Amino acid sequence: MATIYTRGGDDGTTSLAGGDRIAKDAPAIELLGALDEANSLIGLARVNVVGSDVDDALAFVQQRLLNCGAAVAGASGVGVAAEDVTALEAAIDRFASKAGGFAGFVLPGCDEASARLHVARTVIRRAERAAARANAAVPLPPNVLPFLNRAGDLLYVAARYAGAGNECRWDPDAPRP
């Protein structure tokens, strides 16, 4: 590609992996955008956990999010395997055993690392909702929906793990300022 711009999308369409043109507001394209946004925010969250076991898990999620996008776009030979979902479950269990089980909701923002992980979690959940909408229109490749669901769970427990000891607990009766 000689230049980044092709002018092909100027009419409100974009190309899929096989060359087919699709409207930029199609559910699959909405999903691809949400996956891209989630991947970027996970990258931002990694800045605070470089060289840790959390960083390793997040790098894996980023790689597989690109696989999800490629599969959704119709690329052949790329996807997410059931073993990838299982690997996320193992990582979730590891972080949860260290951070403790669910003990109520927490407020993002009591430390930078966990706040960034919570932001990435919310965007993964948006991608998961976009995936459900896209799947209703055209069935998604296998394991995309379970992978996104576990990725959101992983980001939650990773945020709890990264912020252990600094978490701000939700208090439904918090005093007014």
N, C-alpha and C. Protein backbone atom coordinates (compact mmCIF):
# COMPACT_ATOMS: atom_id res chain seq x y z
N MET A 1 0.85 -1.17 0.00
CA MET A 1 0.00 0.00 0.00
C MET A 1 0.90 1.24 0.00
N ALA A 2 0.76 2.04 -1.00
CA ALA A 2 1.60 3.23 -1.14
C ALA A 2 1.19 4.34 -0.19
N THR A 3 -0.08 4.40 0.15
CA THR A 3 -0.57 5.44 1.03
C THR A 3 -1.66 4.87 1.93
N ILE A 4 -1.88 5.48 3.06
CA ILE A 4 -2.87 4.98 4.00
C ILE A 4 -4.29 5.23 3.50
N TYR A 5 -4.49 6.26 2.72
CA TYR A 5 -5.84 6.55 2.24
C TYR A 5 -6.05 5.94 0.86
N THR A 6 -7.26 5.39 0.68
CA THR A 6 -7.61 4.78 -0.60
C THR A 6 -8.79 5.48 -1.26
N ARG A 7 -9.50 6.26 -0.50
CA ARG A 7 -10.73 6.93 -0.94
C ARG A 7 -11.88 5.95 -1.15
N GLY A 8 -11.63 4.67 -0.93
CA GLY A 8 -12.67 3.66 -1.13
C GLY A 8 -13.81 3.78 -0.14
N GLY A 9 -13.53 4.32 1.02
CA GLY A 9 -14.56 4.45 2.05
C GLY A 9 -15.31 5.76 2.02
N ASP A 10 -15.02 6.59 1.07
CA ASP A 10 -15.66 7.90 0.99
C ASP A 10 -17.17 7.82 0.77
N ASP A 11 -17.63 6.66 0.31
CA ASP A 11 -19.07 6.50 0.07
C ASP A 11 -19.79 5.86 1.25
N GLY A 12 -19.09 5.69 2.39
CA GLY A 12 -19.72 5.11 3.58
C GLY A 12 -19.65 3.60 3.64
N THR A 13 -18.78 3.01 2.82
CA THR A 13 -18.58 1.57 2.86
C THR A 13 -17.12 1.27 3.16
N THR A 14 -16.86 0.02 3.50
CA THR A 14 -15.50 -0.43 3.75
C THR A 14 -15.38 -1.86 3.24
N SER A 15 -14.15 -2.33 3.10
CA SER A 15 -13.90 -3.68 2.58
C SER A 15 -13.72 -4.68 3.70
N LEU A 16 -14.23 -5.87 3.47
CA LEU A 16 -13.95 -7.00 4.35
C LEU A 16 -12.74 -7.75 3.78
N ALA A 17 -12.30 -8.78 4.49
CA ALA A 17 -11.09 -9.49 4.10
C ALA A 17 -11.17 -10.06 2.68
N GLY A 18 -12.34 -10.52 2.26
CA GLY A 18 -12.49 -11.10 0.93
C GLY A 18 -12.71 -10.08 -0.17
N GLY A 19 -12.75 -8.79 0.19
CA GLY A 19 -12.94 -7.74 -0.80
C GLY A 19 -14.37 -7.24 -0.92
N ASP A 20 -15.32 -7.94 -0.28
CA ASP A 20 -16.71 -7.48 -0.31
C ASP A 20 -16.81 -6.12 0.38
N ARG A 21 -17.68 -5.25 -0.16
CA ARG A 21 -17.92 -3.93 0.42
C ARG A 21 -19.13 -4.05 1.36
N ILE A 22 -19.06 -3.33 2.48
CA ILE A 22 -20.12 -3.36 3.49
C ILE A 22 -20.26 -1.96 4.06
N ALA A 23 -21.47 -1.59 4.44
CA ALA A 23 -21.72 -0.27 5.03
C ALA A 23 -20.94 -0.12 6.33
N LYS A 24 -20.39 1.05 6.56
CA LYS A 24 -19.61 1.29 7.76
C LYS A 24 -20.44 1.26 9.03
N ASP A 25 -21.77 1.34 8.91
CA ASP A 25 -22.61 1.24 10.10
C ASP A 25 -23.24 -0.15 10.26
N ALA A 26 -22.76 -1.13 9.50
CA ALA A 26 -23.23 -2.51 9.63
C ALA A 26 -22.81 -3.06 10.99
N PRO A 27 -23.60 -3.97 11.57
CA PRO A 27 -23.25 -4.52 12.88
C PRO A 27 -21.83 -5.11 12.95
N ALA A 28 -21.38 -5.77 11.90
CA ALA A 28 -20.02 -6.34 11.92
C ALA A 28 -18.96 -5.25 12.00
N ILE A 29 -19.19 -4.13 11.34
CA ILE A 29 -18.22 -3.03 11.36
C ILE A 29 -18.26 -2.32 12.71
N GLU A 30 -19.45 -2.19 13.28
CA GLU A 30 -19.56 -1.65 14.65
C GLU A 30 -18.75 -2.52 15.61
N LEU A 31 -18.86 -3.83 15.45
CA LEU A 31 -18.11 -4.76 16.30
C LEU A 31 -16.61 -4.58 16.07
N LEU A 32 -16.18 -4.49 14.83
CA LEU A 32 -14.74 -4.31 14.56
C LEU A 32 -14.22 -3.03 15.20
N GLY A 33 -15.01 -1.97 15.15
CA GLY A 33 -14.60 -0.73 15.80
C GLY A 33 -14.51 -0.87 17.30
N ALA A 34 -15.47 -1.57 17.90
CA ALA A 34 -15.44 -1.78 19.36
C ALA A 34 -14.25 -2.64 19.76
N LEU A 35 -13.93 -3.64 18.95
CA LEU A 35 -12.75 -4.48 19.24
C LEU A 35 -11.47 -3.66 19.17
N ASP A 36 -11.38 -2.78 18.19
CA ASP A 36 -10.21 -1.92 18.03
C ASP A 36 -10.07 -0.98 19.23
N GLU A 37 -11.19 -0.40 19.64
CA GLU A 37 -11.16 0.51 20.79
C GLU A 37 -10.76 -0.24 22.05
N ALA A 38 -11.31 -1.42 22.26
CA ALA A 38 -10.96 -2.21 23.44
C ALA A 38 -9.48 -2.57 23.42
N ASN A 39 -8.98 -2.96 22.26
CA ASN A 39 -7.57 -3.32 22.15
C ASN A 39 -6.67 -2.14 22.50
N SER A 40 -7.05 -0.96 22.03
CA SER A 40 -6.26 0.25 22.33
C SER A 40 -6.26 0.56 23.82
N LEU A 41 -7.41 0.42 24.46
CA LEU A 41 -7.49 0.72 25.89
C LEU A 41 -6.78 -0.33 26.73
N ILE A 42 -6.78 -1.57 26.27
CA ILE A 42 -5.99 -2.58 26.98
C ILE A 42 -4.51 -2.23 26.86
N GLY A 43 -4.09 -1.76 25.68
CA GLY A 43 -2.70 -1.32 25.52
C GLY A 43 -2.37 -0.18 26.47
N LEU A 44 -3.28 0.75 26.64
CA LEU A 44 -3.07 1.84 27.59
C LEU A 44 -2.97 1.31 29.02
N ALA A 45 -3.80 0.34 29.36
CA ALA A 45 -3.75 -0.26 30.70
C ALA A 45 -2.44 -0.99 30.94
N ARG A 46 -1.89 -1.59 29.90
CA ARG A 46 -0.64 -2.35 30.05
C ARG A 46 0.52 -1.47 30.49
N VAL A 47 0.46 -0.19 30.19
CA VAL A 47 1.54 0.73 30.57
C VAL A 47 1.82 0.66 32.07
N ASN A 48 0.77 0.44 32.86
CA ASN A 48 0.91 0.42 34.32
C ASN A 48 1.28 -0.94 34.89
N VAL A 49 1.31 -1.97 34.06
CA VAL A 49 1.57 -3.31 34.59
C VAL A 49 2.67 -4.04 33.80
N VAL A 50 3.51 -3.28 33.10
CA VAL A 50 4.55 -3.86 32.25
C VAL A 50 5.39 -4.86 33.05
N GLY A 51 5.65 -6.00 32.41
CA GLY A 51 6.53 -7.00 33.01
C GLY A 51 5.88 -7.86 34.08
N SER A 52 4.57 -7.77 34.25
CA SER A 52 3.90 -8.54 35.29
C SER A 52 3.07 -9.67 34.67
N ASP A 53 2.52 -10.51 35.53
CA ASP A 53 1.64 -11.56 35.04
C ASP A 53 0.37 -10.97 34.44
N VAL A 54 -0.06 -9.81 34.92
CA VAL A 54 -1.21 -9.13 34.32
C VAL A 54 -0.86 -8.71 32.90
N ASP A 55 0.32 -8.16 32.71
CA ASP A 55 0.76 -7.73 31.38
C ASP A 55 0.74 -8.91 30.40
N ASP A 56 1.22 -10.06 30.84
CA ASP A 56 1.23 -11.24 29.98
C ASP A 56 -0.19 -11.62 29.56
N ALA A 57 -1.12 -11.61 30.49
CA ALA A 57 -2.50 -11.96 30.18
C ALA A 57 -3.12 -10.93 29.24
N LEU A 58 -2.84 -9.65 29.46
CA LEU A 58 -3.39 -8.61 28.61
C LEU A 58 -2.82 -8.68 27.19
N ALA A 59 -1.54 -9.01 27.07
CA ALA A 59 -0.93 -9.15 25.74
C ALA A 59 -1.62 -10.28 24.98
N PHE A 60 -1.93 -11.38 25.67
CA PHE A 60 -2.65 -12.49 25.05
C PHE A 60 -4.03 -12.03 24.58
N VAL A 61 -4.74 -11.29 25.43
CA VAL A 61 -6.07 -10.80 25.06
C VAL A 61 -5.96 -9.90 23.83
N GLN A 62 -4.97 -9.02 23.79
CA GLN A 62 -4.82 -8.14 22.63
C GLN A 62 -4.61 -8.94 21.35
N GLN A 63 -3.76 -9.95 21.41
CA GLN A 63 -3.51 -10.77 20.22
C GLN A 63 -4.81 -11.44 19.74
N ARG A 64 -5.56 -12.00 20.68
CA ARG A 64 -6.79 -12.70 20.31
C ARG A 64 -7.90 -11.74 19.89
N LEU A 65 -7.89 -10.50 20.39
CA LEU A 65 -8.87 -9.53 19.90
C LEU A 65 -8.64 -9.25 18.42
N LEU A 66 -7.37 -9.19 18.02
CA LEU A 66 -7.09 -9.04 16.59
C LEU A 66 -7.55 -10.27 15.82
N ASN A 67 -7.38 -11.46 16.41
CA ASN A 67 -7.90 -12.67 15.77
C ASN A 67 -9.41 -12.60 15.62
N CYS A 68 -10.10 -12.13 16.69
CA CYS A 68 -11.55 -11.97 16.61
C CYS A 68 -11.92 -11.06 15.45
N GLY A 69 -11.26 -9.93 15.35
CA GLY A 69 -11.55 -8.97 14.29
C GLY A 69 -11.29 -9.56 12.91
N ALA A 70 -10.18 -10.25 12.77
CA ALA A 70 -9.87 -10.87 11.48
C ALA A 70 -10.92 -11.90 11.10
N ALA A 71 -11.35 -12.70 12.07
CA ALA A 71 -12.37 -13.72 11.80
C ALA A 71 -13.70 -13.07 11.44
N VAL A 72 -14.08 -12.02 12.16
CA VAL A 72 -15.33 -11.31 11.87
C VAL A 72 -15.27 -10.70 10.47
N ALA A 73 -14.10 -10.22 10.08
CA ALA A 73 -13.94 -9.60 8.75
C ALA A 73 -13.85 -10.63 7.64
N GLY A 74 -13.82 -11.92 8.00
CA GLY A 74 -13.83 -12.97 6.98
C GLY A 74 -12.48 -13.51 6.59
N ALA A 75 -11.43 -13.20 7.34
CA ALA A 75 -10.11 -13.76 7.03
C ALA A 75 -10.13 -15.26 7.30
N SER A 76 -9.54 -16.01 6.43
CA SER A 76 -9.52 -17.46 6.62
C SER A 76 -8.31 -17.87 7.45
N GLY A 77 -8.51 -18.93 8.21
CA GLY A 77 -7.42 -19.49 9.00
C GLY A 77 -7.09 -18.74 10.28
N VAL A 78 -7.90 -17.74 10.64
CA VAL A 78 -7.65 -16.96 11.86
C VAL A 78 -8.93 -16.99 12.68
N GLY A 79 -8.78 -17.17 13.98
CA GLY A 79 -9.95 -17.16 14.84
C GLY A 79 -9.56 -17.30 16.29
N VAL A 80 -10.54 -17.68 17.07
CA VAL A 80 -10.35 -17.88 18.50
C VAL A 80 -10.76 -19.32 18.79
N ALA A 81 -9.90 -20.04 19.49
CA ALA A 81 -10.15 -21.44 19.79
C ALA A 81 -10.78 -21.58 21.17
N ALA A 82 -11.43 -22.70 21.39
CA ALA A 82 -11.99 -23.00 22.71
C ALA A 82 -10.87 -22.98 23.76
N GLU A 83 -9.67 -23.38 23.36
CA GLU A 83 -8.53 -23.37 24.30
C GLU A 83 -8.16 -21.94 24.72
N ASP A 84 -8.44 -20.97 23.86
CA ASP A 84 -8.18 -19.57 24.22
C ASP A 84 -9.13 -19.13 25.32
N VAL A 85 -10.38 -19.57 25.23
CA VAL A 85 -11.37 -19.26 26.27
C VAL A 85 -10.95 -19.94 27.58
N THR A 86 -10.53 -21.18 27.48
CA THR A 86 -10.07 -21.92 28.66
C THR A 86 -8.85 -21.25 29.29
N ALA A 87 -7.95 -20.74 28.47
CA ALA A 87 -6.76 -20.04 28.99
C ALA A 87 -7.18 -18.80 29.77
N LEU A 88 -8.17 -18.07 29.27
CA LEU A 88 -8.66 -16.90 30.02
C LEU A 88 -9.27 -17.33 31.35
N GLU A 89 -10.02 -18.42 31.35
CA GLU A 89 -10.62 -18.90 32.59
C GLU A 89 -9.55 -19.24 33.62
N ALA A 90 -8.46 -19.85 33.18
CA ALA A 90 -7.36 -20.18 34.10
C ALA A 90 -6.73 -18.90 34.65
N ALA A 91 -6.53 -17.90 33.80
CA ALA A 91 -5.97 -16.63 34.27
C ALA A 91 -6.93 -15.93 35.23
N ILE A 92 -8.22 -15.97 34.92
CA ILE A 92 -9.22 -15.38 35.82
C ILE A 92 -9.14 -16.05 37.19
N ASP A 93 -9.08 -17.36 37.21
CA ASP A 93 -9.00 -18.10 38.47
C ASP A 93 -7.74 -17.73 39.25
N ARG A 94 -6.61 -17.58 38.54
CA ARG A 94 -5.35 -17.21 39.22
C ARG A 94 -5.47 -15.83 39.88
N PHE A 95 -5.95 -14.85 39.12
CA PHE A 95 -6.04 -13.49 39.67
C PHE A 95 -7.10 -13.41 40.76
N ALA A 96 -8.21 -14.10 40.57
CA ALA A 96 -9.28 -14.07 41.57
C ALA A 96 -8.82 -14.70 42.88
N SER A 97 -8.02 -15.76 42.80
CA SER A 97 -7.55 -16.40 44.03
C SER A 97 -6.63 -15.48 44.82
N LYS A 98 -5.94 -14.58 44.12
CA LYS A 98 -5.04 -13.64 44.79
C LYS A 98 -5.77 -12.37 45.23
N ALA A 99 -6.79 -11.95 44.47
CA ALA A 99 -7.49 -10.70 44.77
C ALA A 99 -8.69 -10.93 45.69
N GLY A 100 -9.11 -12.17 45.82
CA GLY A 100 -10.31 -12.46 46.60
C GLY A 100 -11.51 -12.51 45.70
N GLY A 101 -12.53 -13.18 46.16
CA GLY A 101 -13.75 -13.31 45.37
C GLY A 101 -14.52 -12.01 45.33
N PHE A 102 -15.66 -12.07 44.70
CA PHE A 102 -16.51 -10.89 44.59
C PHE A 102 -17.04 -10.53 45.98
N ALA A 103 -16.74 -9.33 46.42
CA ALA A 103 -17.17 -8.87 47.74
C ALA A 103 -17.93 -7.55 47.62
N GLY A 104 -18.57 -7.34 46.52
CA GLY A 104 -19.29 -6.10 46.30
C GLY A 104 -18.64 -5.29 45.20
N PHE A 105 -19.36 -4.30 44.74
CA PHE A 105 -18.86 -3.46 43.66
C PHE A 105 -17.77 -2.52 44.15
N VAL A 106 -16.88 -2.18 43.24
CA VAL A 106 -15.80 -1.25 43.55
C VAL A 106 -15.91 -0.05 42.62
N LEU A 107 -15.38 1.07 43.07
CA LEU A 107 -15.36 2.28 42.26
C LEU A 107 -14.01 2.37 41.55
N PRO A 108 -14.01 2.45 40.23
CA PRO A 108 -12.74 2.65 39.53
C PRO A 108 -12.14 3.99 39.91
N GLY A 109 -10.83 4.03 40.02
CA GLY A 109 -10.17 5.31 40.21
C GLY A 109 -9.35 5.47 41.46
N CYS A 110 -9.28 4.45 42.28
CA CYS A 110 -8.49 4.60 43.50
C CYS A 110 -7.01 4.38 43.27
N ASP A 111 -6.64 3.84 42.14
CA ASP A 111 -5.26 3.82 41.68
C ASP A 111 -5.29 3.75 40.16
N GLU A 112 -4.25 4.23 39.52
CA GLU A 112 -4.26 4.37 38.06
C GLU A 112 -4.33 3.04 37.34
N ALA A 113 -3.58 2.05 37.78
CA ALA A 113 -3.57 0.77 37.08
C ALA A 113 -4.95 0.14 37.05
N SER A 114 -5.60 0.06 38.20
CA SER A 114 -6.92 -0.58 38.22
C SER A 114 -7.95 0.27 37.49
N ALA A 115 -7.84 1.60 37.56
CA ALA A 115 -8.78 2.46 36.85
C ALA A 115 -8.68 2.22 35.34
N ARG A 116 -7.48 2.11 34.82
CA ARG A 116 -7.32 1.86 33.38
C ARG A 116 -7.86 0.49 32.99
N LEU A 117 -7.66 -0.49 33.86
CA LEU A 117 -8.19 -1.82 33.58
C LEU A 117 -9.71 -1.82 33.59
N HIS A 118 -10.30 -1.04 34.51
CA HIS A 118 -11.77 -0.94 34.54
C HIS A 118 -12.30 -0.25 33.28
N VAL A 119 -11.61 0.77 32.79
CA VAL A 119 -12.03 1.43 31.55
C VAL A 119 -11.98 0.42 30.40
N ALA A 120 -10.91 -0.34 30.32
CA ALA A 120 -10.79 -1.36 29.27
C ALA A 120 -11.90 -2.39 29.41
N ARG A 121 -12.23 -2.75 30.65
CA ARG A 121 -13.32 -3.71 30.90
C ARG A 121 -14.65 -3.19 30.34
N THR A 122 -14.94 -1.92 30.58
CA THR A 122 -16.23 -1.40 30.11
C THR A 122 -16.28 -1.39 28.58
N VAL A 123 -15.16 -1.16 27.93
CA VAL A 123 -15.15 -1.15 26.47
C VAL A 123 -15.22 -2.58 25.92
N ILE A 124 -14.62 -3.53 26.60
CA ILE A 124 -14.78 -4.94 26.20
C ILE A 124 -16.26 -5.32 26.31
N ARG A 125 -16.92 -4.86 27.36
CA ARG A 125 -18.35 -5.17 27.51
C ARG A 125 -19.15 -4.53 26.37
N ARG A 126 -18.76 -3.33 25.94
CA ARG A 126 -19.42 -2.71 24.79
C ARG A 126 -19.19 -3.56 23.54
N ALA A 127 -17.96 -4.05 23.36
CA ALA A 127 -17.66 -4.91 22.22
C ALA A 127 -18.49 -6.20 22.30
N GLU A 128 -18.68 -6.70 23.49
CA GLU A 128 -19.49 -7.90 23.67
C GLU A 128 -20.95 -7.63 23.26
N ARG A 129 -21.47 -6.47 23.61
CA ARG A 129 -22.84 -6.12 23.20
C ARG A 129 -22.91 -5.96 21.68
N ALA A 130 -21.87 -5.35 21.09
CA ALA A 130 -21.82 -5.22 19.63
C ALA A 130 -21.74 -6.60 18.98
N ALA A 131 -21.02 -7.51 19.61
CA ALA A 131 -20.91 -8.88 19.08
C ALA A 131 -22.27 -9.58 19.12
N ALA A 132 -23.02 -9.37 20.18
CA ALA A 132 -24.35 -9.98 20.27
C ALA A 132 -25.26 -9.44 19.16
N ARG A 133 -25.17 -8.13 18.90
CA ARG A 133 -25.98 -7.55 17.82
C ARG A 133 -25.53 -8.09 16.45
N ALA A 134 -24.22 -8.16 16.24
CA ALA A 134 -23.69 -8.66 14.97
C ALA A 134 -24.07 -10.13 14.79
N ASN A 135 -24.02 -10.89 15.86
CA ASN A 135 -24.35 -12.32 15.80
C ASN A 135 -25.82 -12.53 15.46
N ALA A 136 -26.67 -11.60 15.88
CA ALA A 136 -28.10 -11.70 15.54
C ALA A 136 -28.32 -11.48 14.05
N ALA A 137 -27.46 -10.67 13.43
CA ALA A 137 -27.59 -10.39 11.99
C ALA A 137 -26.96 -11.50 11.15
N VAL A 138 -25.74 -11.88 11.50
CA VAL A 138 -25.00 -12.93 10.80
C VAL A 138 -24.19 -13.68 11.86
N PRO A 139 -24.35 -14.99 11.96
CA PRO A 139 -23.64 -15.73 13.01
C PRO A 139 -22.13 -15.45 12.98
N LEU A 140 -21.59 -15.18 14.16
CA LEU A 140 -20.16 -14.92 14.30
C LEU A 140 -19.38 -16.24 14.28
N PRO A 141 -18.09 -16.14 13.99
CA PRO A 141 -17.24 -17.33 14.08
C PRO A 141 -17.28 -17.91 15.51
N PRO A 142 -17.05 -19.19 15.64
CA PRO A 142 -17.10 -19.84 16.96
C PRO A 142 -16.14 -19.17 17.96
N ASN A 143 -16.57 -19.15 19.18
CA ASN A 143 -15.78 -18.73 20.34
C ASN A 143 -15.59 -17.23 20.48
N VAL A 144 -16.04 -16.42 19.53
CA VAL A 144 -15.88 -14.97 19.67
C VAL A 144 -16.66 -14.46 20.87
N LEU A 145 -17.95 -14.82 20.95
CA LEU A 145 -18.76 -14.34 22.08
C LEU A 145 -18.23 -14.85 23.43
N PRO A 146 -17.93 -16.14 23.59
CA PRO A 146 -17.39 -16.58 24.88
C PRO A 146 -16.05 -15.91 25.21
N PHE A 147 -15.21 -15.71 24.19
CA PHE A 147 -13.92 -15.07 24.45
C PHE A 147 -14.11 -13.65 24.98
N LEU A 148 -15.00 -12.89 24.35
CA LEU A 148 -15.24 -11.51 24.80
C LEU A 148 -15.82 -11.49 26.21
N ASN A 149 -16.71 -12.43 26.49
CA ASN A 149 -17.29 -12.50 27.83
C ASN A 149 -16.20 -12.76 28.87
N ARG A 150 -15.32 -13.72 28.61
CA ARG A 150 -14.24 -14.02 29.55
C ARG A 150 -13.22 -12.89 29.62
N ALA A 151 -12.99 -12.20 28.50
CA ALA A 151 -12.05 -11.08 28.52
C ALA A 151 -12.54 -9.99 29.46
N GLY A 152 -13.85 -9.73 29.46
CA GLY A 152 -14.40 -8.76 30.41
C GLY A 152 -14.21 -9.22 31.84
N ASP A 153 -14.45 -10.50 32.09
CA ASP A 153 -14.24 -11.05 33.43
C ASP A 153 -12.77 -10.93 33.84
N LEU A 154 -11.88 -11.24 32.90
CA LEU A 154 -10.45 -11.15 33.19
C LEU A 154 -10.06 -9.72 33.56
N LEU A 155 -10.55 -8.75 32.80
CA LEU A 155 -10.21 -7.36 33.10
C LEU A 155 -10.74 -6.94 34.47
N TYR A 156 -11.90 -7.44 34.85
CA TYR A 156 -12.43 -7.13 36.18
C TYR A 156 -11.51 -7.67 37.27
N VAL A 157 -11.16 -8.97 37.18
CA VAL A 157 -10.32 -9.53 38.23
C VAL A 157 -8.90 -8.97 38.17
N ALA A 158 -8.42 -8.64 36.98
CA ALA A 158 -7.09 -8.02 36.87
C ALA A 158 -7.09 -6.65 37.53
N ALA A 159 -8.17 -5.90 37.37
CA ALA A 159 -8.28 -4.59 38.03
C ALA A 159 -8.30 -4.76 39.55
N ARG A 160 -9.04 -5.75 40.01
CA ARG A 160 -9.08 -6.01 41.46
C ARG A 160 -7.71 -6.45 41.96
N TYR A 161 -7.03 -7.28 41.20
CA TYR A 161 -5.71 -7.77 41.56
C TYR A 161 -4.69 -6.62 41.57
N ALA A 162 -4.72 -5.81 40.52
CA ALA A 162 -3.78 -4.69 40.42
C ALA A 162 -4.03 -3.65 41.50
N GLY A 163 -5.27 -3.48 41.90
CA GLY A 163 -5.62 -2.47 42.89
C GLY A 163 -5.79 -3.00 44.29
N ALA A 164 -5.40 -4.27 44.52
CA ALA A 164 -5.60 -4.88 45.84
C ALA A 164 -5.02 -3.99 46.93
N GLY A 165 -5.84 -3.72 47.91
CA GLY A 165 -5.41 -2.86 49.02
C GLY A 165 -5.74 -1.40 48.79
N ASN A 166 -6.00 -1.01 47.55
CA ASN A 166 -6.31 0.38 47.23
C ASN A 166 -7.73 0.56 46.70
N GLU A 167 -8.52 -0.49 46.74
CA GLU A 167 -9.85 -0.41 46.15
C GLU A 167 -10.77 0.50 46.95
N CYS A 168 -11.59 1.20 46.19
CA CYS A 168 -12.64 2.02 46.80
C CYS A 168 -13.93 1.23 46.67
N ARG A 169 -14.48 0.84 47.77
CA ARG A 169 -15.71 0.04 47.77
C ARG A 169 -16.92 0.94 47.56
N TRP A 170 -17.90 0.39 46.87
CA TRP A 170 -19.17 1.08 46.68
C TRP A 170 -19.89 1.15 48.01
N ASP A 171 -20.36 2.31 48.34
CA ASP A 171 -21.15 2.52 49.55
C ASP A 171 -22.47 3.16 49.12
N PRO A 172 -23.55 2.38 49.05
CA PRO A 172 -24.83 2.94 48.58
C PRO A 172 -25.36 4.06 49.48
N ASP A 173 -24.84 4.14 50.71
CA ASP A 173 -25.26 5.18 51.65
C ASP A 173 -24.16 6.20 51.91
N ALA A 174 -23.27 6.37 50.93
CA ALA A 174 -22.15 7.31 51.08
C ALA A 174 -22.70 8.69 51.46
N PRO A 175 -21.99 9.36 52.37
CA PRO A 175 -22.45 10.70 52.79
C PRO A 175 -22.38 11.69 51.62
N ARG A 176 -23.30 12.62 51.63
CA ARG A 176 -23.32 13.67 50.61
C ARG A 176 -22.19 14.67 50.88
N PRO A 177 -21.64 15.24 49.83
CA PRO A 177 -20.54 16.20 50.05
C PRO A 177 -21.03 17.52 50.62
